[in-house]
């Protein structure tokens, strides 16, 4: 699978995602197109390790949400609603003491 992703990424110009530079736009596009990520929480929670690794941030949610909408051909309004929905989900971005607990559970 890694070779398939690498080939896809090399088919066109690619740039890193500012909020999480070890991901590129084409890599995320591959996840959306080939792994059928339809919603932002699905992309963040099931198609990547970002949340599980405790590396999710508001900026990551925003960058991935905007890219998801672009790839799926959806408008900025849909993207903003999806971003807001995910930012409110404690499983995506825990708030307050829950965030500290989640990080401790993930990283011991």
PDB file of N, CA and C in Angstrom:
ATOM      1  N   UNK A   1       0.822  -1.189   0.000  1.00  0.00           N
ATOM      2  CA  UNK A   1       0.000   0.000   0.000  1.00  0.00           C
ATOM      3  C   UNK A   1       0.869   1.257   0.000  1.00  0.00           C
ATOM      4  N   UNK A   2       1.992   1.226   0.702  1.00  0.00           N
ATOM      5  CA  UNK A   2       2.875   2.393   0.759  1.00  0.00           C
ATOM      6  C   UNK A   2       3.343   2.789  -0.638  1.00  0.00           C
ATOM      7  N   UNK A   3       3.659   1.795  -1.476  1.00  0.00           N
ATOM      8  CA  UNK A   3       4.089   2.082  -2.841  1.00  0.00           C
ATOM      9  C   UNK A   3       2.964   2.732  -3.644  1.00  0.00           C
ATOM     10  N   UNK A   4       1.744   2.273  -3.437  1.00  0.00           N
ATOM     11  CA  UNK A   4       0.590   2.853  -4.130  1.00  0.00           C
ATOM     12  C   UNK A   4       0.411   4.322  -3.742  1.00  0.00           C
ATOM     13  N   UNK A   5       0.540   4.617  -2.457  1.00  0.00           N
ATOM     14  CA  UNK A   5       0.405   5.996  -1.984  1.00  0.00           C
ATOM     15  C   UNK A   5       1.542   6.855  -2.543  1.00  0.00           C
ATOM     16  N   UNK A   6       2.760   6.332  -2.485  1.00  0.00           N
ATOM     17  CA  UNK A   6       3.912   7.075  -2.998  1.00  0.00           C
ATOM     18  C   UNK A   6       3.755   7.378  -4.488  1.00  0.00           C
ATOM     19  N   UNK A   7       3.299   6.409  -5.253  1.00  0.00           N
ATOM     20  CA  UNK A   7       3.084   6.616  -6.687  1.00  0.00           C
ATOM     21  C   UNK A   7       2.038   7.697  -6.926  1.00  0.00           C
ATOM     22  N   UNK A   8       0.951   7.641  -6.174  1.00  0.00           N
ATOM     23  CA  UNK A   8      -0.107   8.644  -6.293  1.00  0.00           C
ATOM     24  C   UNK A   8       0.441  10.033  -5.970  1.00  0.00           C
ATOM     25  N   UNK A   9       1.218  10.136  -4.905  1.00  0.00           N
ATOM     26  CA  UNK A   9       1.775  11.429  -4.489  1.00  0.00           C
ATOM     27  C   UNK A   9       2.736  11.987  -5.528  1.00  0.00           C
ATOM     28  N   UNK A  10       3.423  11.111  -6.247  1.00  0.00           N
ATOM     29  CA  UNK A  10       4.402  11.550  -7.248  1.00  0.00           C
ATOM     30  C   UNK A  10       3.794  11.883  -8.604  1.00  0.00           C
ATOM     31  N   UNK A  11       2.493  11.641  -8.773  1.00  0.00           N
ATOM     32  CA  UNK A  11       1.846  11.900 -10.056  1.00  0.00           C
ATOM     33  C   UNK A  11       1.681  13.382 -10.362  1.00  0.00           C
ATOM     34  N   UNK A  12       1.723  14.223  -9.327  1.00  0.00           N
ATOM     35  CA  UNK A  12       1.537  15.663  -9.519  1.00  0.00           C
ATOM     36  C   UNK A  12       2.288  16.401  -8.417  1.00  0.00           C
ATOM     37  N   UNK A  13       2.396  17.709  -8.589  1.00  0.00           N
ATOM     38  CA  UNK A  13       3.061  18.523  -7.569  1.00  0.00           C
ATOM     39  C   UNK A  13       2.348  18.339  -6.233  1.00  0.00           C
ATOM     40  N   UNK A  14       3.127  18.314  -5.175  1.00  0.00           N
ATOM     41  CA  UNK A  14       2.574  18.062  -3.852  1.00  0.00           C
ATOM     42  C   UNK A  14       3.178  19.051  -2.865  1.00  0.00           C
ATOM     43  N   UNK A  15       2.419  19.393  -1.843  1.00  0.00           N
ATOM     44  CA  UNK A  15       2.927  20.284  -0.797  1.00  0.00           C
ATOM     45  C   UNK A  15       2.553  19.713   0.567  1.00  0.00           C
ATOM     46  N   UNK A  16       3.359  20.047   1.554  1.00  0.00           N
ATOM     47  CA  UNK A  16       3.052  19.585   2.909  1.00  0.00           C
ATOM     48  C   UNK A  16       1.898  20.396   3.491  1.00  0.00           C
ATOM     49  N   UNK A  17       1.232  19.802   4.449  1.00  0.00           N
ATOM     50  CA  UNK A  17       0.152  20.487   5.157  1.00  0.00           C
ATOM     51  C   UNK A  17       0.789  21.263   6.306  1.00  0.00           C
ATOM     52  N   UNK A  18       0.550  22.553   6.342  1.00  0.00           N
ATOM     53  CA  UNK A  18       1.238  23.448   7.283  1.00  0.00           C
ATOM     54  C   UNK A  18       1.081  23.031   8.733  1.00  0.00           C
ATOM     55  N   UNK A  19      -0.095  22.590   9.122  1.00  0.00           N
ATOM     56  CA  UNK A  19      -0.361  22.265  10.524  1.00  0.00           C
ATOM     57  C   UNK A  19       0.211  20.924  10.966  1.00  0.00           C
ATOM     58  N   UNK A  20       0.565  20.076  10.006  1.00  0.00           N
ATOM     59  CA  UNK A  20       1.120  18.758  10.320  1.00  0.00           C
ATOM     60  C   UNK A  20       2.001  18.335   9.136  1.00  0.00           C
ATOM     61  N   UNK A  21       3.229  18.853   9.095  1.00  0.00           N
ATOM     62  CA  UNK A  21       4.073  18.746   7.902  1.00  0.00           C
ATOM     63  C   UNK A  21       4.517  17.348   7.489  1.00  0.00           C
ATOM     64  N   UNK A  22       4.258  16.330   8.298  1.00  0.00           N
ATOM     65  CA  UNK A  22       4.605  14.989   7.817  1.00  0.00           C
ATOM     66  C   UNK A  22       3.493  14.401   6.952  1.00  0.00           C
ATOM     67  N   UNK A  23       2.440  15.173   6.687  1.00  0.00           N
ATOM     68  CA  UNK A  23       1.388  14.804   5.741  1.00  0.00           C
ATOM     69  C   UNK A  23       1.435  15.770   4.570  1.00  0.00           C
ATOM     70  N   UNK A  24       1.152  15.245   3.368  1.00  0.00           N
ATOM     71  CA  UNK A  24       1.063  16.102   2.190  1.00  0.00           C
ATOM     72  C   UNK A  24      -0.378  16.131   1.702  1.00  0.00           C
ATOM     73  N   UNK A  25      -0.668  17.143   0.892  1.00  0.00           N
ATOM     74  CA  UNK A  25      -2.031  17.248   0.359  1.00  0.00           C
ATOM     75  C   UNK A  25      -2.400  16.045  -0.490  1.00  0.00           C
ATOM     76  N   UNK A  26      -1.477  15.560  -1.309  1.00  0.00           N
ATOM     77  CA  UNK A  26      -1.804  14.409  -2.162  1.00  0.00           C
ATOM     78  C   UNK A  26      -1.978  13.143  -1.344  1.00  0.00           C
ATOM     79  N   UNK A  27      -1.236  13.002  -0.260  1.00  0.00           N
ATOM     80  CA  UNK A  27      -1.413  11.843   0.621  1.00  0.00           C
ATOM     81  C   UNK A  27      -2.824  11.841   1.216  1.00  0.00           C
ATOM     82  N   UNK A  28      -3.279  13.005   1.674  1.00  0.00           N
ATOM     83  CA  UNK A  28      -4.633  13.109   2.233  1.00  0.00           C
ATOM     84  C   UNK A  28      -5.672  12.933   1.139  1.00  0.00           C
ATOM     85  N   UNK A  29      -5.389  13.478  -0.034  1.00  0.00           N
ATOM     86  CA  UNK A  29      -6.294  13.288  -1.179  1.00  0.00           C
ATOM     87  C   UNK A  29      -6.452  11.794  -1.474  1.00  0.00           C
ATOM     88  N   UNK A  30      -5.359  11.034  -1.414  1.00  0.00           N
ATOM     89  CA  UNK A  30      -5.421   9.594  -1.633  1.00  0.00           C
ATOM     90  C   UNK A  30      -6.350   8.944  -0.604  1.00  0.00           C
ATOM     91  N   UNK A  31      -6.211   9.345   0.654  1.00  0.00           N
ATOM     92  CA  UNK A  31      -7.072   8.786   1.707  1.00  0.00           C
ATOM     93  C   UNK A  31      -8.543   9.083   1.429  1.00  0.00           C
ATOM     94  N   UNK A  32      -8.814  10.284   0.969  1.00  0.00           N
ATOM     95  CA  UNK A  32     -10.196  10.687   0.686  1.00  0.00           C
ATOM     96  C   UNK A  32     -10.738   9.919  -0.517  1.00  0.00           C
ATOM     97  N   UNK A  33      -9.982   9.889  -1.586  1.00  0.00           N
ATOM     98  CA  UNK A  33     -10.457   9.267  -2.825  1.00  0.00           C
ATOM     99  C   UNK A  33     -10.434   7.741  -2.789  1.00  0.00           C
ATOM    100  N   UNK A  34      -9.367   7.159  -2.293  1.00  0.00           N
ATOM    101  CA  UNK A  34      -9.194   5.712  -2.365  1.00  0.00           C
ATOM    102  C   UNK A  34      -9.720   4.968  -1.153  1.00  0.00           C
ATOM    103  N   UNK A  35      -9.820   5.651  -0.023  1.00  0.00           N
ATOM    104  CA  UNK A  35     -10.323   5.023   1.204  1.00  0.00           C
ATOM    105  C   UNK A  35     -11.701   5.549   1.588  1.00  0.00           C
ATOM    106  N   UNK A  36     -12.308   6.299   0.662  1.00  0.00           N
ATOM    107  CA  UNK A  36     -13.689   6.755   0.779  1.00  0.00           C
ATOM    108  C   UNK A  36     -13.983   7.488   2.086  1.00  0.00           C
ATOM    109  N   UNK A  37     -13.123   8.412   2.458  1.00  0.00           N
ATOM    110  CA  UNK A  37     -13.388   9.243   3.636  1.00  0.00           C
ATOM    111  C   UNK A  37     -14.407  10.306   3.232  1.00  0.00           C
ATOM    112  N   UNK A  38     -15.608  10.204   3.766  1.00  0.00           N
ATOM    113  CA  UNK A  38     -16.676  11.122   3.389  1.00  0.00           C
ATOM    114  C   UNK A  38     -16.841  12.270   4.368  1.00  0.00           C
ATOM    115  N   UNK A  39     -16.469  12.046   5.619  1.00  0.00           N
ATOM    116  CA  UNK A  39     -16.652  13.049   6.662  1.00  0.00           C
ATOM    117  C   UNK A  39     -15.334  13.260   7.395  1.00  0.00           C
ATOM    118  N   UNK A  40     -15.192  14.422   7.983  1.00  0.00           N
ATOM    119  CA  UNK A  40     -13.935  14.816   8.598  1.00  0.00           C
ATOM    120  C   UNK A  40     -13.552  13.936   9.784  1.00  0.00           C
ATOM    121  N   UNK A  41     -14.513  13.575  10.617  1.00  0.00           N
ATOM    122  CA  UNK A  41     -14.163  12.712  11.758  1.00  0.00           C
ATOM    123  C   UNK A  41     -13.696  11.340  11.273  1.00  0.00           C
ATOM    124  N   UNK A  42     -14.284  10.842  10.200  1.00  0.00           N
ATOM    125  CA  UNK A  42     -13.844   9.571   9.627  1.00  0.00           C
ATOM    126  C   UNK A  42     -12.399   9.680   9.145  1.00  0.00           C
ATOM    127  N   UNK A  43     -12.080  10.772   8.479  1.00  0.00           N
ATOM    128  CA  UNK A  43     -10.728  10.985   7.975  1.00  0.00           C
ATOM    129  C   UNK A  43      -9.715  11.054   9.123  1.00  0.00           C
ATOM    130  N   UNK A  44     -10.041  11.802  10.167  1.00  0.00           N
ATOM    131  CA  UNK A  44      -9.105  11.997  11.278  1.00  0.00           C
ATOM    132  C   UNK A  44      -9.014  10.794  12.212  1.00  0.00           C
ATOM    133  N   UNK A  45     -10.144  10.150  12.481  1.00  0.00           N
ATOM    134  CA  UNK A  45     -10.172   9.058  13.463  1.00  0.00           C
ATOM    135  C   UNK A  45      -9.867   7.684  12.875  1.00  0.00           C
ATOM    136  N   UNK A  46     -10.263   7.437  11.630  1.00  0.00           N
ATOM    137  CA  UNK A  46     -10.143   6.087  11.087  1.00  0.00           C
ATOM    138  C   UNK A  46      -9.133   5.948   9.958  1.00  0.00           C
ATOM    139  N   UNK A  47      -8.865   7.010   9.247  1.00  0.00           N
ATOM    140  CA  UNK A  47      -7.966   6.929   8.096  1.00  0.00           C
ATOM    141  C   UNK A  47      -6.542   7.371   8.419  1.00  0.00           C
ATOM    142  N   UNK A  48      -6.343   7.998   9.586  1.00  0.00           N
ATOM    143  CA  UNK A  48      -5.009   8.424  10.016  1.00  0.00           C
ATOM    144  C   UNK A  48      -4.819   8.067  11.489  1.00  0.00           C
ATOM    145  N   UNK A  49      -3.618   8.227  11.971  1.00  0.00           N
ATOM    146  CA  UNK A  49      -3.284   8.011  13.386  1.00  0.00           C
ATOM    147  C   UNK A  49      -3.180   9.334  14.141  1.00  0.00           C
ATOM    148  N   UNK A  50      -3.517  10.439  13.504  1.00  0.00           N
ATOM    149  CA  UNK A  50      -3.301  11.764  14.081  1.00  0.00           C
ATOM    150  C   UNK A  50      -3.958  11.913  15.447  1.00  0.00           C
ATOM    151  N   UNK A  51      -5.218  11.550  15.561  1.00  0.00           N
ATOM    152  CA  UNK A  51      -5.923  11.687  16.842  1.00  0.00           C
ATOM    153  C   UNK A  51      -5.353  10.702  17.855  1.00  0.00           C
ATOM    154  N   UNK A  52      -5.167   9.465  17.444  1.00  0.00           N
ATOM    155  CA  UNK A  52      -4.642   8.451  18.363  1.00  0.00           C
ATOM    156  C   UNK A  52      -3.250   8.800  18.876  1.00  0.00           C
ATOM    157  N   UNK A  53      -2.466   9.490  18.052  1.00  0.00           N
ATOM    158  CA  UNK A  53      -1.123   9.893  18.461  1.00  0.00           C
ATOM    159  C   UNK A  53      -1.110  11.179  19.276  1.00  0.00           C
ATOM    160  N   UNK A  54      -2.290  11.781  19.494  1.00  0.00           N
ATOM    161  CA  UNK A  54      -2.374  13.013  20.272  1.00  0.00           C
ATOM    162  C   UNK A  54      -1.839  14.229  19.546  1.00  0.00           C
ATOM    163  N   UNK A  55      -1.851  14.193  18.196  1.00  0.00           N
ATOM    164  CA  UNK A  55      -1.298  15.298  17.417  1.00  0.00           C
ATOM    165  C   UNK A  55      -2.366  16.155  16.748  1.00  0.00           C
ATOM    166  N   UNK A  56      -3.622  15.891  17.075  1.00  0.00           N
ATOM    167  CA  UNK A  56      -4.695  16.657  16.463  1.00  0.00           C
ATOM    168  C   UNK A  56      -4.792  18.030  17.147  1.00  0.00           C
ATOM    169  N   UNK A  57      -5.015  19.047  16.342  1.00  0.00           N
ATOM    170  CA  UNK A  57      -5.177  20.405  16.840  1.00  0.00           C
ATOM    171  C   UNK A  57      -6.275  21.079  16.022  1.00  0.00           C
ATOM    172  N   UNK A  58      -6.673  22.246  16.460  1.00  0.00           N
ATOM    173  CA  UNK A  58      -7.675  22.985  15.703  1.00  0.00           C
ATOM    174  C   UNK A  58      -7.182  23.266  14.282  1.00  0.00           C
ATOM    175  N   UNK A  59      -5.910  23.582  14.154  1.00  0.00           N
ATOM    176  CA  UNK A  59      -5.350  23.866  12.824  1.00  0.00           C
ATOM    177  C   UNK A  59      -5.383  22.618  11.928  1.00  0.00           C
ATOM    178  N   UNK A  60      -5.089  21.449  12.488  1.00  0.00           N
ATOM    179  CA  UNK A  60      -5.145  20.203  11.722  1.00  0.00           C
ATOM    180  C   UNK A  60      -6.579  19.940  11.266  1.00  0.00           C
ATOM    181  N   UNK A  61      -7.537  20.087  12.179  1.00  0.00           N
ATOM    182  CA  UNK A  61      -8.951  19.878  11.837  1.00  0.00           C
ATOM    183  C   UNK A  61      -9.339  20.814  10.703  1.00  0.00           C
ATOM    184  N   UNK A  62      -8.935  22.067  10.803  1.00  0.00           N
ATOM    185  CA  UNK A  62      -9.282  23.055   9.777  1.00  0.00           C
ATOM    186  C   UNK A  62      -8.632  22.694   8.429  1.00  0.00           C
ATOM    187  N   UNK A  63      -7.340  22.405   8.437  1.00  0.00           N
ATOM    188  CA  UNK A  63      -6.655  22.080   7.181  1.00  0.00           C
ATOM    189  C   UNK A  63      -7.250  20.847   6.513  1.00  0.00           C
ATOM    190  N   UNK A  64      -7.501  19.806   7.291  1.00  0.00           N
ATOM    191  CA  UNK A  64      -8.065  18.582   6.727  1.00  0.00           C
ATOM    192  C   UNK A  64      -9.501  18.808   6.263  1.00  0.00           C
ATOM    193  N   UNK A  65     -10.268  19.603   7.004  1.00  0.00           N
ATOM    194  CA  UNK A  65     -11.651  19.888   6.621  1.00  0.00           C
ATOM    195  C   UNK A  65     -11.745  20.642   5.313  1.00  0.00           C
ATOM    196  N   UNK A  66     -10.890  21.634   5.139  1.00  0.00           N
ATOM    197  CA  UNK A  66     -10.893  22.399   3.891  1.00  0.00           C
ATOM    198  C   UNK A  66     -10.460  21.528   2.712  1.00  0.00           C
ATOM    199  N   UNK A  67      -9.472  20.688   2.929  1.00  0.00           N
ATOM    200  CA  UNK A  67      -9.013  19.800   1.859  1.00  0.00           C
ATOM    201  C   UNK A  67     -10.074  18.751   1.526  1.00  0.00           C
ATOM    202  N   UNK A  68     -10.733  18.207   2.536  1.00  0.00           N
ATOM    203  CA  UNK A  68     -11.805  17.229   2.308  1.00  0.00           C
ATOM    204  C   UNK A  68     -12.906  17.837   1.443  1.00  0.00           C
ATOM    205  N   UNK A  69     -13.328  19.057   1.771  1.00  0.00           N
ATOM    206  CA  UNK A  69     -14.378  19.717   0.996  1.00  0.00           C
ATOM    207  C   UNK A  69     -13.911  19.944  -0.446  1.00  0.00           C
ATOM    208  N   UNK A  70     -12.681  20.390  -0.620  1.00  0.00           N
ATOM    209  CA  UNK A  70     -12.144  20.649  -1.958  1.00  0.00           C
ATOM    210  C   UNK A  70     -12.128  19.376  -2.801  1.00  0.00           C
ATOM    211  N   UNK A  71     -11.611  18.299  -2.231  1.00  0.00           N
ATOM    212  CA  UNK A  71     -11.519  17.035  -2.971  1.00  0.00           C
ATOM    213  C   UNK A  71     -12.901  16.500  -3.310  1.00  0.00           C
ATOM    214  N   UNK A  72     -13.841  16.633  -2.392  1.00  0.00           N
ATOM    215  CA  UNK A  72     -15.202  16.127  -2.627  1.00  0.00           C
ATOM    216  C   UNK A  72     -16.062  17.074  -3.448  1.00  0.00           C
ATOM    217  N   UNK A  73     -15.533  18.263  -3.779  1.00  0.00           N
ATOM    218  CA  UNK A  73     -16.288  19.215  -4.590  1.00  0.00           C
ATOM    219  C   UNK A  73     -17.387  19.914  -3.810  1.00  0.00           C
ATOM    220  N   UNK A  74     -17.195  20.055  -2.508  1.00  0.00           N
ATOM    221  CA  UNK A  74     -18.198  20.699  -1.654  1.00  0.00           C
ATOM    222  C   UNK A  74     -17.776  22.124  -1.337  1.00  0.00           C
ATOM    223  N   UNK A  75     -18.742  22.961  -0.980  1.00  0.00           N
ATOM    224  CA  UNK A  75     -18.446  24.375  -0.790  1.00  0.00           C
ATOM    225  C   UNK A  75     -17.882  24.703   0.597  1.00  0.00           C
ATOM    226  N   UNK A  76     -17.475  25.948   0.745  1.00  0.00           N
ATOM    227  CA  UNK A  76     -16.869  26.412   2.000  1.00  0.00           C
ATOM    228  C   UNK A  76     -17.846  26.317   3.166  1.00  0.00           C
ATOM    229  N   UNK A  77     -19.118  26.497   2.911  1.00  0.00           N
ATOM    230  CA  UNK A  77     -20.133  26.372   3.968  1.00  0.00           C
ATOM    231  C   UNK A  77     -20.161  24.962   4.547  1.00  0.00           C
ATOM    232  N   UNK A  78     -20.113  23.958   3.668  1.00  0.00           N
ATOM    233  CA  UNK A  78     -20.069  22.573   4.146  1.00  0.00           C
ATOM    234  C   UNK A  78     -18.808  22.349   4.964  1.00  0.00           C
ATOM    235  N   UNK A  79     -17.680  22.849   4.466  1.00  0.00           N
ATOM    236  CA  UNK A  79     -16.410  22.678   5.176  1.00  0.00           C
ATOM    237  C   UNK A  79     -16.476  23.293   6.567  1.00  0.00           C
ATOM    238  N   UNK A  80     -16.999  24.498   6.673  1.00  0.00           N
ATOM    239  CA  UNK A  80     -17.065  25.173   7.981  1.00  0.00           C
ATOM    240  C   UNK A  80     -17.979  24.422   8.945  1.00  0.00           C
ATOM    241  N   UNK A  81     -19.090  23.903   8.462  1.00  0.00           N
ATOM    242  CA  UNK A  81     -19.985  23.110   9.320  1.00  0.00           C
ATOM    243  C   UNK A  81     -19.309  21.831   9.794  1.00  0.00           C
ATOM    244  N   UNK A  82     -18.606  21.176   8.898  1.00  0.00           N
ATOM    245  CA  UNK A  82     -17.919  19.927   9.229  1.00  0.00           C
ATOM    246  C   UNK A  82     -16.773  20.194  10.209  1.00  0.00           C
ATOM    247  N   UNK A  83     -16.054  21.271  10.013  1.00  0.00           N
ATOM    248  CA  UNK A  83     -14.972  21.646  10.928  1.00  0.00           C
ATOM    249  C   UNK A  83     -15.537  21.935  12.315  1.00  0.00           C
ATOM    250  N   UNK A  84     -16.599  22.727  12.381  1.00  0.00           N
ATOM    251  CA  UNK A  84     -17.220  23.055  13.672  1.00  0.00           C
ATOM    252  C   UNK A  84     -17.736  21.797  14.370  1.00  0.00           C
ATOM    253  N   UNK A  85     -18.346  20.901  13.602  1.00  0.00           N
ATOM    254  CA  UNK A  85     -18.857  19.649  14.177  1.00  0.00           C
ATOM    255  C   UNK A  85     -17.724  18.850  14.799  1.00  0.00           C
ATOM    256  N   UNK A  86     -16.614  18.742  14.094  1.00  0.00           N
ATOM    257  CA  UNK A  86     -15.486  17.952  14.600  1.00  0.00           C
ATOM    258  C   UNK A  86     -14.785  18.625  15.772  1.00  0.00           C
ATOM    259  N   UNK A  87     -14.684  19.935  15.736  1.00  0.00           N
ATOM    260  CA  UNK A  87     -14.048  20.634  16.853  1.00  0.00           C
ATOM    261  C   UNK A  87     -14.845  20.467  18.144  1.00  0.00           C
ATOM    262  N   UNK A  88     -16.143  20.224  18.018  1.00  0.00           N
ATOM    263  CA  UNK A  88     -16.993  20.029  19.195  1.00  0.00           C
ATOM    264  C   UNK A  88     -16.985  18.583  19.692  1.00  0.00           C
ATOM    265  N   UNK A  89     -16.389  17.682  18.933  1.00  0.00           N
ATOM    266  CA  UNK A  89     -16.382  16.268  19.306  1.00  0.00           C
ATOM    267  C   UNK A  89     -15.220  15.977  20.263  1.00  0.00           C
ATOM    268  N   UNK A  90     -15.509  15.505  21.463  1.00  0.00           N
ATOM    269  CA  UNK A  90     -14.419  15.198  22.394  1.00  0.00           C
ATOM    270  C   UNK A  90     -13.526  14.049  21.922  1.00  0.00           C
ATOM    271  N   UNK A  91     -14.018  13.226  21.036  1.00  0.00           N
ATOM    272  CA  UNK A  91     -13.176  12.138  20.511  1.00  0.00           C
ATOM    273  C   UNK A  91     -12.159  12.648  19.493  1.00  0.00           C
ATOM    274  N   UNK A  92     -12.434  13.777  18.880  1.00  0.00           N
ATOM    275  CA  UNK A  92     -11.514  14.358  17.907  1.00  0.00           C
ATOM    276  C   UNK A  92     -10.561  15.330  18.595  1.00  0.00           C
ATOM    277  N   UNK A  93     -11.132  16.228  19.376  1.00  0.00           N
ATOM    278  CA  UNK A  93     -10.336  17.254  20.040  1.00  0.00           C
ATOM    279  C   UNK A  93     -10.870  17.455  21.457  1.00  0.00           C
ATOM    280  N   UNK A  94     -10.417  16.630  22.400  1.00  0.00           N
ATOM    281  CA  UNK A  94     -10.894  16.766  23.782  1.00  0.00           C
ATOM    282  C   UNK A  94     -10.639  18.177  24.310  1.00  0.00           C
ATOM    283  N   UNK A  95     -11.529  18.639  25.178  1.00  0.00           N
ATOM    284  CA  UNK A  95     -11.430  19.974  25.747  1.00  0.00           C
ATOM    285  C   UNK A  95     -11.102  19.910  27.232  1.00  0.00           C
ATOM    286  N   UNK A  96     -10.428  20.923  27.739  1.00  0.00           N
ATOM    287  CA  UNK A  96     -10.163  21.071  29.168  1.00  0.00           C
ATOM    288  C   UNK A  96      -9.473  19.863  29.767  1.00  0.00           C
ATOM    289  N   UNK A  97      -9.912  19.449  30.977  1.00  0.00           N
ATOM    290  CA  UNK A  97      -9.291  18.308  31.653  1.00  0.00           C
ATOM    291  C   UNK A  97      -9.370  17.014  30.843  1.00  0.00           C
ATOM    292  N   UNK A  98     -10.411  16.870  30.046  1.00  0.00           N
ATOM    293  CA  UNK A  98     -10.554  15.656  29.228  1.00  0.00           C
ATOM    294  C   UNK A  98      -9.401  15.539  28.235  1.00  0.00           C
ATOM    295  N   UNK A  99      -8.900  16.671  27.724  1.00  0.00           N
ATOM    296  CA  UNK A  99      -7.776  16.637  26.786  1.00  0.00           C
ATOM    297  C   UNK A  99      -6.526  16.121  27.485  1.00  0.00           C
ATOM    298  N   UNK A 100      -6.274  16.582  28.686  1.00  0.00           N
ATOM    299  CA  UNK A 100      -5.112  16.123  29.440  1.00  0.00           C
ATOM    300  C   UNK A 100      -5.208  14.636  29.745  1.00  0.00           C
ATOM    301  N   UNK A 101      -6.411  14.183  30.125  1.00  0.00           N
ATOM    302  CA  UNK A 101      -6.620  12.761  30.399  1.00  0.00           C
ATOM    303  C   UNK A 101      -6.394  11.933  29.139  1.00  0.00           C
ATOM    304  N   UNK A 102      -6.908  12.403  28.024  1.00  0.00           N
ATOM    305  CA  UNK A 102      -6.766  11.663  26.757  1.00  0.00           C
ATOM    306  C   UNK A 102      -5.287  11.559  26.383  1.00  0.00           C
ATOM    307  N   UNK A 103      -4.551  12.644  26.544  1.00  0.00           N
ATOM    308  CA  UNK A 103      -3.129  12.603  26.217  1.00  0.00           C
ATOM    309  C   UNK A 103      -2.384  11.644  27.140  1.00  0.00           C
ATOM    310  N   UNK A 104      -2.748  11.626  28.406  1.00  0.00           N
ATOM    311  CA  UNK A 104      -2.072  10.723  29.348  1.00  0.00           C
ATOM    312  C   UNK A 104      -2.387   9.265  29.013  1.00  0.00           C
ATOM    313  N   UNK A 105      -3.631   8.980  28.673  1.00  0.00           N
ATOM    314  CA  UNK A 105      -4.002   7.604  28.314  1.00  0.00           C
ATOM    315  C   UNK A 105      -3.244   7.176  27.068  1.00  0.00           C
ATOM    316  N   UNK A 106      -3.128   8.068  26.069  1.00  0.00           N
ATOM    317  CA  UNK A 106      -2.460   7.711  24.830  1.00  0.00           C
ATOM    318  C   UNK A 106      -0.965   7.560  25.001  1.00  0.00           C
ATOM    319  N   UNK A 107      -0.389   8.371  25.883  1.00  0.00           N
ATOM    320  CA  UNK A 107       1.074   8.418  25.968  1.00  0.00           C
ATOM    321  C   UNK A 107       1.639   7.937  27.298  1.00  0.00           C
ATOM    322  N   UNK A 108       0.749   7.495  28.185  1.00  0.00           N
ATOM    323  CA  UNK A 108       1.131   6.881  29.429  1.00  0.00           C
ATOM    324  C   UNK A 108       1.971   7.673  30.326  1.00  0.00           C
TER     325      UNK A 108
END
